[in-house]
């Protein structure tokens, strides 16, 4: 992802918010800040939102837990990597944060190297998620072409041309090539070889 990766910082404390913003910019990220949960939700539901999210647990109005739940409830919710940042370090709080949909958890005051490594892990996960969705899209498109070869296909009983979905009659091999990944190589079956090229058959027999 590199230096073009953007990170949303949702933090109600102005000093902490500014500190994280400067830290992220020093690491090469573009930091987008929100001082409460509702503003963070507005950013994440807008056009081209950042995919990495640093989310404070305690915020006025919409807290980190509820915000995380709302992110995950959306159709594109799995496209975000959410790191919960909080002073809570009880194991039950960690479990609660992860169960609400957070991908990772950092306890304040956090170690800078630890936070950076977690963001790098998030970048890798986001990259893999994007790649996986692209592969699924390509597979679905390929399967769509394969499905077009199923069902009843009109074929002429004399010339063996196939009528396509536009009611145009095509040669069999052209139709199959357009609707699949098959590639044809031309050859002669034994019956046609004897019927159309008897001389070649005789020459081969004499030569053997």
C-alpha atoms as a PDB file:
ATOM      1  CA  UNK A   1       0.000   0.000   0.000  1.00  0.00           C
ATOM      2  CA  UNK A   2       2.878   2.352   0.784  1.00  0.00           C
ATOM      3  CA  UNK A   3       2.654   6.023   1.579  1.00  0.00           C
ATOM      4  CA  UNK A   4      -0.716   6.480  -0.106  1.00  0.00           C
ATOM      5  CA  UNK A   5      -2.454   4.527   2.683  1.00  0.00           C
ATOM      6  CA  UNK A   6      -4.833   6.730   4.664  1.00  0.00           C
ATOM      7  CA  UNK A   7      -5.696   6.215   8.327  1.00  0.00           C
ATOM      8  CA  UNK A   8      -8.740   7.501  10.195  1.00  0.00           C
ATOM      9  CA  UNK A   9      -8.024   8.557  13.783  1.00  0.00           C
ATOM     10  CA  UNK A  10     -11.190   8.691  15.908  1.00  0.00           C
ATOM     11  CA  UNK A  11     -10.171  10.242  19.237  1.00  0.00           C
ATOM     12  CA  UNK A  12     -12.044  12.768  21.386  1.00  0.00           C
ATOM     13  CA  UNK A  13      -8.971  13.976  23.307  1.00  0.00           C
ATOM     14  CA  UNK A  14      -7.391  16.791  21.288  1.00  0.00           C
ATOM     15  CA  UNK A  15      -3.827  16.200  22.535  1.00  0.00           C
ATOM     16  CA  UNK A  16      -3.945  12.447  21.854  1.00  0.00           C
ATOM     17  CA  UNK A  17      -5.556  13.053  18.475  1.00  0.00           C
ATOM     18  CA  UNK A  18      -2.868  15.519  17.408  1.00  0.00           C
ATOM     19  CA  UNK A  19      -0.083  13.283  18.695  1.00  0.00           C
ATOM     20  CA  UNK A  20      -1.350  10.300  16.670  1.00  0.00           C
ATOM     21  CA  UNK A  21      -1.811  12.483  13.601  1.00  0.00           C
ATOM     22  CA  UNK A  22       1.804  13.691  13.730  1.00  0.00           C
ATOM     23  CA  UNK A  23       3.046  10.171  14.391  1.00  0.00           C
ATOM     24  CA  UNK A  24       1.176   8.739  11.413  1.00  0.00           C
ATOM     25  CA  UNK A  25       2.374  11.493   9.105  1.00  0.00           C
ATOM     26  CA  UNK A  26       5.941  10.858  10.207  1.00  0.00           C
ATOM     27  CA  UNK A  27       5.476   7.210   9.209  1.00  0.00           C
ATOM     28  CA  UNK A  28       4.257   8.244   5.774  1.00  0.00           C
ATOM     29  CA  UNK A  29       0.504   7.842   6.248  1.00  0.00           C
ATOM     30  CA  UNK A  30      -2.182  10.380   5.453  1.00  0.00           C
ATOM     31  CA  UNK A  31      -4.043  10.961   8.724  1.00  0.00           C
ATOM     32  CA  UNK A  32      -7.737  11.880   8.731  1.00  0.00           C
ATOM     33  CA  UNK A  33      -9.020  12.898  12.160  1.00  0.00           C
ATOM     34  CA  UNK A  34     -12.445  12.825  13.806  1.00  0.00           C
ATOM     35  CA  UNK A  35     -13.158  14.088  17.321  1.00  0.00           C
ATOM     36  CA  UNK A  36     -16.141  11.829  18.005  1.00  0.00           C
ATOM     37  CA  UNK A  37     -17.801   8.624  16.859  1.00  0.00           C
ATOM     38  CA  UNK A  38     -20.463  10.234  14.704  1.00  0.00           C
ATOM     39  CA  UNK A  39     -17.938  12.253  12.696  1.00  0.00           C
ATOM     40  CA  UNK A  40     -15.869   9.101  12.268  1.00  0.00           C
ATOM     41  CA  UNK A  41     -18.938   7.235  10.998  1.00  0.00           C
ATOM     42  CA  UNK A  42     -19.637  10.052   8.532  1.00  0.00           C
ATOM     43  CA  UNK A  43     -16.105   9.688   7.138  1.00  0.00           C
ATOM     44  CA  UNK A  44     -16.335   5.899   6.895  1.00  0.00           C
ATOM     45  CA  UNK A  45     -19.701   5.974   5.136  1.00  0.00           C
ATOM     46  CA  UNK A  46     -18.668   8.713   2.709  1.00  0.00           C
ATOM     47  CA  UNK A  47     -16.971   8.457  -0.660  1.00  0.00           C
ATOM     48  CA  UNK A  48     -13.588   6.695  -0.788  1.00  0.00           C
ATOM     49  CA  UNK A  49     -13.135   6.250   2.980  1.00  0.00           C
ATOM     50  CA  UNK A  50      -9.793   5.278   4.568  1.00  0.00           C
ATOM     51  CA  UNK A  51      -9.496   1.527   5.197  1.00  0.00           C
ATOM     52  CA  UNK A  52      -7.271   1.679   8.267  1.00  0.00           C
ATOM     53  CA  UNK A  53      -9.028   2.897  11.419  1.00  0.00           C
ATOM     54  CA  UNK A  54      -7.608   3.797  14.842  1.00  0.00           C
ATOM     55  CA  UNK A  55     -10.610   3.878  17.129  1.00  0.00           C
ATOM     56  CA  UNK A  56     -10.741   5.224  20.689  1.00  0.00           C
ATOM     57  CA  UNK A  57     -13.012   3.178  22.955  1.00  0.00           C
ATOM     58  CA  UNK A  58     -14.476   6.040  25.014  1.00  0.00           C
ATOM     59  CA  UNK A  59     -15.974   8.862  22.961  1.00  0.00           C
ATOM     60  CA  UNK A  60     -19.012  11.069  23.536  1.00  0.00           C
ATOM     61  CA  UNK A  61     -22.229  10.055  21.799  1.00  0.00           C
ATOM     62  CA  UNK A  62     -21.171   7.136  19.640  1.00  0.00           C
ATOM     63  CA  UNK A  63     -18.436   5.193  21.433  1.00  0.00           C
ATOM     64  CA  UNK A  64     -15.852   2.936  19.831  1.00  0.00           C
ATOM     65  CA  UNK A  65     -17.759  -0.291  20.494  1.00  0.00           C
ATOM     66  CA  UNK A  66     -20.979   0.935  18.887  1.00  0.00           C
ATOM     67  CA  UNK A  67     -19.099   2.538  15.996  1.00  0.00           C
ATOM     68  CA  UNK A  68     -17.271  -0.711  15.310  1.00  0.00           C
ATOM     69  CA  UNK A  69     -20.572  -2.621  15.261  1.00  0.00           C
ATOM     70  CA  UNK A  70     -22.046  -0.166  12.773  1.00  0.00           C
ATOM     71  CA  UNK A  71     -19.003  -0.436  10.524  1.00  0.00           C
ATOM     72  CA  UNK A  72     -19.260  -4.224  10.438  1.00  0.00           C
ATOM     73  CA  UNK A  73     -23.014  -4.178   9.821  1.00  0.00           C
ATOM     74  CA  UNK A  74     -22.515  -2.488   6.463  1.00  0.00           C
ATOM     75  CA  UNK A  75     -22.104  -4.462   3.252  1.00  0.00           C
ATOM     76  CA  UNK A  76     -18.541  -3.213   2.784  1.00  0.00           C
ATOM     77  CA  UNK A  77     -17.713  -3.563   6.493  1.00  0.00           C
ATOM     78  CA  UNK A  78     -15.119  -6.274   5.910  1.00  0.00           C
ATOM     79  CA  UNK A  79     -13.024  -3.847   3.861  1.00  0.00           C
ATOM     80  CA  UNK A  80     -11.880  -1.952   6.977  1.00  0.00           C
ATOM     81  CA  UNK A  81      -9.113  -2.878   9.410  1.00  0.00           C
ATOM     82  CA  UNK A  82     -10.019  -1.517  12.840  1.00  0.00           C
ATOM     83  CA  UNK A  83      -7.539  -1.138  15.698  1.00  0.00           C
ATOM     84  CA  UNK A  84      -9.170  -0.305  19.037  1.00  0.00           C
ATOM     85  CA  UNK A  85      -7.056   2.115  21.109  1.00  0.00           C
ATOM     86  CA  UNK A  86      -7.954   2.353  24.804  1.00  0.00           C
ATOM     87  CA  UNK A  87      -6.681   2.568  28.372  1.00  0.00           C
ATOM     88  CA  UNK A  88      -8.741  -0.531  29.236  1.00  0.00           C
ATOM     89  CA  UNK A  89      -6.443  -3.513  29.635  1.00  0.00           C
ATOM     90  CA  UNK A  90      -8.672  -6.035  31.377  1.00  0.00           C
ATOM     91  CA  UNK A  91      -8.867  -9.264  29.351  1.00  0.00           C
ATOM     92  CA  UNK A  92     -12.657  -9.051  29.330  1.00  0.00           C
ATOM     93  CA  UNK A  93     -12.451  -5.630  27.708  1.00  0.00           C
ATOM     94  CA  UNK A  94     -10.053  -6.969  25.091  1.00  0.00           C
ATOM     95  CA  UNK A  95     -12.495  -9.785  24.304  1.00  0.00           C
ATOM     96  CA  UNK A  96     -15.428  -7.340  24.166  1.00  0.00           C
ATOM     97  CA  UNK A  97     -13.548  -5.100  21.751  1.00  0.00           C
ATOM     98  CA  UNK A  98     -12.652  -7.963  19.431  1.00  0.00           C
ATOM     99  CA  UNK A  99     -16.135  -9.472  19.573  1.00  0.00           C
ATOM    100  CA  UNK A 100     -17.692  -6.182  18.473  1.00  0.00           C
ATOM    101  CA  UNK A 101     -15.662  -6.405  15.268  1.00  0.00           C
ATOM    102  CA  UNK A 102     -12.254  -4.858  15.999  1.00  0.00           C
ATOM    103  CA  UNK A 103      -9.344  -6.551  14.226  1.00  0.00           C
ATOM    104  CA  UNK A 104      -6.719  -5.577  16.779  1.00  0.00           C
ATOM    105  CA  UNK A 105      -6.289  -3.905  20.150  1.00  0.00           C
ATOM    106  CA  UNK A 106      -3.687  -1.454  21.519  1.00  0.00           C
ATOM    107  CA  UNK A 107      -3.559  -0.334  25.156  1.00  0.00           C
ATOM    108  CA  UNK A 108      -2.700   3.267  26.089  1.00  0.00           C
ATOM    109  CA  UNK A 109      -0.051   4.446  26.581  1.00  0.00           C
ATOM    110  CA  UNK A 110       0.994   2.461  23.527  1.00  0.00           C
ATOM    111  CA  UNK A 111       4.474   1.627  22.309  1.00  0.00           C
ATOM    112  CA  UNK A 112       5.098   3.387  18.995  1.00  0.00           C
ATOM    113  CA  UNK A 113       6.861   0.406  17.435  1.00  0.00           C
ATOM    114  CA  UNK A 114       3.970  -1.853  18.445  1.00  0.00           C
ATOM    115  CA  UNK A 115       1.363   0.467  16.928  1.00  0.00           C
ATOM    116  CA  UNK A 116       3.349   0.790  13.713  1.00  0.00           C
ATOM    117  CA  UNK A 117       3.690  -2.988  13.377  1.00  0.00           C
ATOM    118  CA  UNK A 118      -0.059  -3.412  13.868  1.00  0.00           C
ATOM    119  CA  UNK A 119      -0.748  -0.847  11.160  1.00  0.00           C
ATOM    120  CA  UNK A 120       1.623  -2.693   8.820  1.00  0.00           C
ATOM    121  CA  UNK A 121      -0.266  -5.906   9.559  1.00  0.00           C
ATOM    122  CA  UNK A 122      -3.491  -4.078   8.757  1.00  0.00           C
ATOM    123  CA  UNK A 123      -2.074  -2.921   5.425  1.00  0.00           C
ATOM    124  CA  UNK A 124      -1.225  -6.503   4.507  1.00  0.00           C
ATOM    125  CA  UNK A 125      -4.690  -7.738   5.472  1.00  0.00           C
ATOM    126  CA  UNK A 126      -6.376  -4.980   3.460  1.00  0.00           C
ATOM    127  CA  UNK A 127      -4.173  -5.773   0.458  1.00  0.00           C
ATOM    128  CA  UNK A 128      -5.047  -9.463   0.664  1.00  0.00           C
ATOM    129  CA  UNK A 129      -8.753  -8.656   1.037  1.00  0.00           C
ATOM    130  CA  UNK A 130      -8.705  -6.458  -2.073  1.00  0.00           C
ATOM    131  CA  UNK A 131      -6.793  -9.105  -4.025  1.00  0.00           C
ATOM    132  CA  UNK A 132      -9.204 -11.832  -2.899  1.00  0.00           C
ATOM    133  CA  UNK A 133     -12.231  -9.802  -3.986  1.00  0.00           C
ATOM    134  CA  UNK A 134     -10.638  -9.204  -7.387  1.00  0.00           C
ATOM    135  CA  UNK A 135      -9.985 -12.929  -7.799  1.00  0.00           C
ATOM    136  CA  UNK A 136     -13.559 -13.744  -6.785  1.00  0.00           C
ATOM    137  CA  UNK A 137     -14.842 -11.212  -9.327  1.00  0.00           C
ATOM    138  CA  UNK A 138     -12.695 -12.744 -12.063  1.00  0.00           C
ATOM    139  CA  UNK A 139     -13.892 -16.226 -11.105  1.00  0.00           C
ATOM    140  CA  UNK A 140     -17.548 -15.151 -11.123  1.00  0.00           C
ATOM    141  CA  UNK A 141     -17.062 -13.580 -14.560  1.00  0.00           C
ATOM    142  CA  UNK A 142     -15.434 -16.758 -15.852  1.00  0.00           C
ATOM    143  CA  UNK A 143     -18.220 -18.879 -14.362  1.00  0.00           C
ATOM    144  CA  UNK A 144     -20.732 -16.596 -16.065  1.00  0.00           C
ATOM    145  CA  UNK A 145     -19.201 -17.445 -19.430  1.00  0.00           C
ATOM    146  CA  UNK A 146     -19.256 -21.138 -18.623  1.00  0.00           C
ATOM    147  CA  UNK A 147     -22.917 -20.947 -17.640  1.00  0.00           C
ATOM    148  CA  UNK A 148     -23.761 -19.561 -21.082  1.00  0.00           C
ATOM    149  CA  UNK A 149     -22.782 -22.926 -22.548  1.00  0.00           C
ATOM    150  CA  UNK A 150     -25.357 -24.705 -20.426  1.00  0.00           C
ATOM    151  CA  UNK A 151     -29.006 -25.211 -21.254  1.00  0.00           C
ATOM    152  CA  UNK A 152     -30.548 -25.627 -24.719  1.00  0.00           C
ATOM    153  CA  UNK A 153     -28.337 -24.352 -27.570  1.00  0.00           C
ATOM    154  CA  UNK A 154     -29.991 -24.267 -31.043  1.00  0.00           C
ATOM    155  CA  UNK A 155     -27.776 -26.015 -33.618  1.00  0.00           C
ATOM    156  CA  UNK A 156     -28.515 -26.531 -37.329  1.00  0.00           C
ATOM    157  CA  UNK A 157     -28.959 -30.225 -38.176  1.00  0.00           C
ATOM    158  CA  UNK A 158     -27.216 -29.768 -41.543  1.00  0.00           C
ATOM    159  CA  UNK A 159     -24.348 -27.271 -41.236  1.00  0.00           C
ATOM    160  CA  UNK A 160     -23.996 -27.530 -37.431  1.00  0.00           C
ATOM    161  CA  UNK A 161     -23.953 -23.753 -36.965  1.00  0.00           C
ATOM    162  CA  UNK A 162     -25.124 -22.462 -33.582  1.00  0.00           C
ATOM    163  CA  UNK A 163     -27.634 -19.657 -33.054  1.00  0.00           C
ATOM    164  CA  UNK A 164     -26.404 -17.262 -30.362  1.00  0.00           C
ATOM    165  CA  UNK A 165     -28.365 -15.042 -27.965  1.00  0.00           C
ATOM    166  CA  UNK A 166     -28.586 -12.351 -30.707  1.00  0.00           C
ATOM    167  CA  UNK A 167     -30.154 -14.935 -33.051  1.00  0.00           C
ATOM    168  CA  UNK A 168     -27.071 -14.909 -35.277  1.00  0.00           C
ATOM    169  CA  UNK A 169     -25.885 -18.232 -36.677  1.00  0.00           C
ATOM    170  CA  UNK A 170     -22.188 -18.848 -36.005  1.00  0.00           C
ATOM    171  CA  UNK A 171     -19.734 -21.610 -36.708  1.00  0.00           C
ATOM    172  CA  UNK A 172     -19.546 -24.045 -33.822  1.00  0.00           C
ATOM    173  CA  UNK A 173     -15.899 -23.368 -32.975  1.00  0.00           C
ATOM    174  CA  UNK A 174     -16.349 -19.587 -33.015  1.00  0.00           C
ATOM    175  CA  UNK A 175     -19.327 -19.791 -30.665  1.00  0.00           C
ATOM    176  CA  UNK A 176     -17.465 -21.973 -28.177  1.00  0.00           C
ATOM    177  CA  UNK A 177     -14.374 -19.739 -28.291  1.00  0.00           C
ATOM    178  CA  UNK A 178     -16.475 -16.647 -27.543  1.00  0.00           C
ATOM    179  CA  UNK A 179     -18.255 -18.319 -24.637  1.00  0.00           C
ATOM    180  CA  UNK A 180     -15.353 -20.161 -23.018  1.00  0.00           C
ATOM    181  CA  UNK A 181     -11.580 -20.225 -22.735  1.00  0.00           C
ATOM    182  CA  UNK A 182     -11.284 -23.138 -25.162  1.00  0.00           C
ATOM    183  CA  UNK A 183      -8.797 -22.887 -28.048  1.00  0.00           C
ATOM    184  CA  UNK A 184      -9.257 -24.953 -31.222  1.00  0.00           C
ATOM    185  CA  UNK A 185      -6.621 -26.686 -33.318  1.00  0.00           C
ATOM    186  CA  UNK A 186      -7.822 -28.188 -36.592  1.00  0.00           C
ATOM    187  CA  UNK A 187      -7.377 -31.863 -37.412  1.00  0.00           C
ATOM    188  CA  UNK A 188      -9.061 -34.668 -39.389  1.00  0.00           C
ATOM    189  CA  UNK A 189     -10.927 -37.610 -37.955  1.00  0.00           C
ATOM    190  CA  UNK A 190     -10.381 -41.025 -39.568  1.00  0.00           C
ATOM    191  CA  UNK A 191     -13.778 -41.000 -41.288  1.00  0.00           C
ATOM    192  CA  UNK A 192     -13.214 -37.626 -42.971  1.00  0.00           C
ATOM    193  CA  UNK A 193      -9.644 -38.528 -43.844  1.00  0.00           C
ATOM    194  CA  UNK A 194     -10.833 -41.602 -45.770  1.00  0.00           C
ATOM    195  CA  UNK A 195     -13.777 -39.715 -47.323  1.00  0.00           C
ATOM    196  CA  UNK A 196     -12.032 -36.553 -48.523  1.00  0.00           C
ATOM    197  CA  UNK A 197      -8.382 -37.597 -48.835  1.00  0.00           C
ATOM    198  CA  UNK A 198      -8.362 -41.239 -49.963  1.00  0.00           C
ATOM    199  CA  UNK A 199      -5.138 -40.688 -51.900  1.00  0.00           C
ATOM    200  CA  UNK A 200      -3.289 -39.698 -48.759  1.00  0.00           C
ATOM    201  CA  UNK A 201      -4.588 -42.791 -47.000  1.00  0.00           C
ATOM    202  CA  UNK A 202      -3.438 -45.011 -49.859  1.00  0.00           C
ATOM    203  CA  UNK A 203       0.001 -43.369 -49.968  1.00  0.00           C
ATOM    204  CA  UNK A 204       0.414 -43.842 -46.240  1.00  0.00           C
ATOM    205  CA  UNK A 205      -0.640 -47.485 -46.535  1.00  0.00           C
ATOM    206  CA  UNK A 206       1.809 -48.114 -49.389  1.00  0.00           C
ATOM    207  CA  UNK A 207       4.604 -46.397 -47.522  1.00  0.00           C
ATOM    208  CA  UNK A 208       4.127 -48.538 -44.464  1.00  0.00           C
END
